Amino acid sequence: MGCALGLSGTAEEREAKEKSRRINSTIKEDYIKDRTLIKLLLLGAGESGKSTIVKQMKIIHTSGFDKEERMSYRHALHTNLLDAIRAISDAMVLFGIEYDSIQNELLAREKVPDMVIQHKSILPEGDVAILAAIYHDGGIQRCMQRAHSFHLSDGASYLLENIDRFVKKDFLPTEQDILHIRVETKGIIEVSFQYRQANFLLFDVGGQRNERRKWIHCFDNVTAVIFCASLSDYDMMLAEDGCTNRMVESLQLFRGVVNSKSFSRTSMLLFLNKTDLLKKKIKMFPLTLAFSEYRGPSEYEPAVNYIEGKFMDMNTSREADRIYVHRTCATDTNTVKSVFKVAAQTIIKNNLAEIGLISPS
C-alpha cells in the first residue's frame, strides 16, 4: 500500500512538473512571438499615398483583392469620377475656359449637379456616359492642364482616362484601378502579412487634420514608423483650409513625428512618394512655389534632393543615418516591392537588435 501511494505521488509530481513546463514554454513562445511581431505605423498628411501603400502590401504579400472586394470599390470609383468632373467644371468657370461643345456644357451645368450616388451603389450607365462625354471635351482637357490651381486627386487623371471602361454596370475594377481610387481613411486600418518568415502588422491612420488625434492610440510597441510625404505637393494647398502649402504642412508634421519621444527607439523610414508626378510637374511648375529660396534648376534630381534635405532638416533628435529614406511611386507595384524589400531588411535587423537576438550594428 505504502509503495503504491509513493508511486502515485511521484506520478502526480511528474505530471505537475510537466504541466508547469508546458505552461512556461507556451509563455516563452508567446513572449518571443510578441517581441518578434513587427508593427509598422504609417503616418503622413492626407493624400500622401499611405492608403495606396497599404493596398500594395495586400497585393504583394497576401492574396490580393478577391471579386467581392473589387466589387466594393465600384462605389468609390464612381464617386471619384463624379467629384473630378464637378471639380474640373467649377474650375473652368473660375478660369474662364469654354467647352468645345455646347451640348457638353449643358450636360455639365444641368445634369451633373443633380447626379447622386446612393450609399454603396453606383451611377446608372447613362450618367457615367454623360461624364465620359464631358471628360472628352477639349475644354475639360485644357482645364486639366491647370490642375495645380485647384483641388483634384492624383488618381483622377488615371480614372478619367479609363472612364469608358466604367460605363457598363457590370464593370469590375482591376487592382491597378483600385490603387488609383481615392478613399479617405477614417479611423485606423490594420493589415497583417508575412514576409521572410516575419510577421508584420501594418497600421494606417487617417492623415487629415481631424484624424490625427487618433495617432496617439497606435504609438505603443511600434517597431517602425513609415512616414509618407508626397513629392508632388509643393505647388498645392491643403484641402482643409485652401491656403496652407501641402508640402510645408507635411514638413511640419514630419518634424513632430521624427522628434517625438514616443518614437525615440523606433526605426524611422521616410517614403518620398509620387516620384512619377514630380518628374512631370517640375518641368512646368518651379519648386519656388513652396521654397522661395530654391536656386536649383527645374529638374527632377536637384529638386528631389532639395526636398529630401528639407525633410532631413526637420530632424533634431536622432542621428541622420538612423532615418532611412526611400523614393517611391506607390501606384507602381514593382517599385513598392523593391523598396519594401530593402526597407524590411532594415526593419527586421533593427527589431532583432532591439530585442537582443543579435548585436546592434
Foldseek 3Di string as FASTA:
>chain_A
DVVVVVVVVVVVVVVVVVVVVVVVVVVVVVVVLVLQAAEEEEAFAALLQSVLLVLLCCVPFHVHDDQVRQLQCLLLLQVLLLVQLLQLLVVCVVVVQDWPDPVLVCCSVPPSVPDDAPPSGHGALVNLVSSLVNCPTPSSVVSVVVCLVTDHRPLNVVSSVVSVQSSDRPRGDDSLNVSSRDDFDAAKDWDWGDDPNGIYIYIYWGNYPVGCVNVVVRLPPHAAYEYGGELLQLSHADPVPRPHRRLVVRLVVLLCVQQPPSCLLHQYEYEHEDLVNLQVCLVPDPSCSRPVPDDDHSHSPVSVVVSVVSSLVSDDRDDSVSYHYDYYYSSDSVRSVVVVVVVVVVSSLSSCCVVPVDPDD
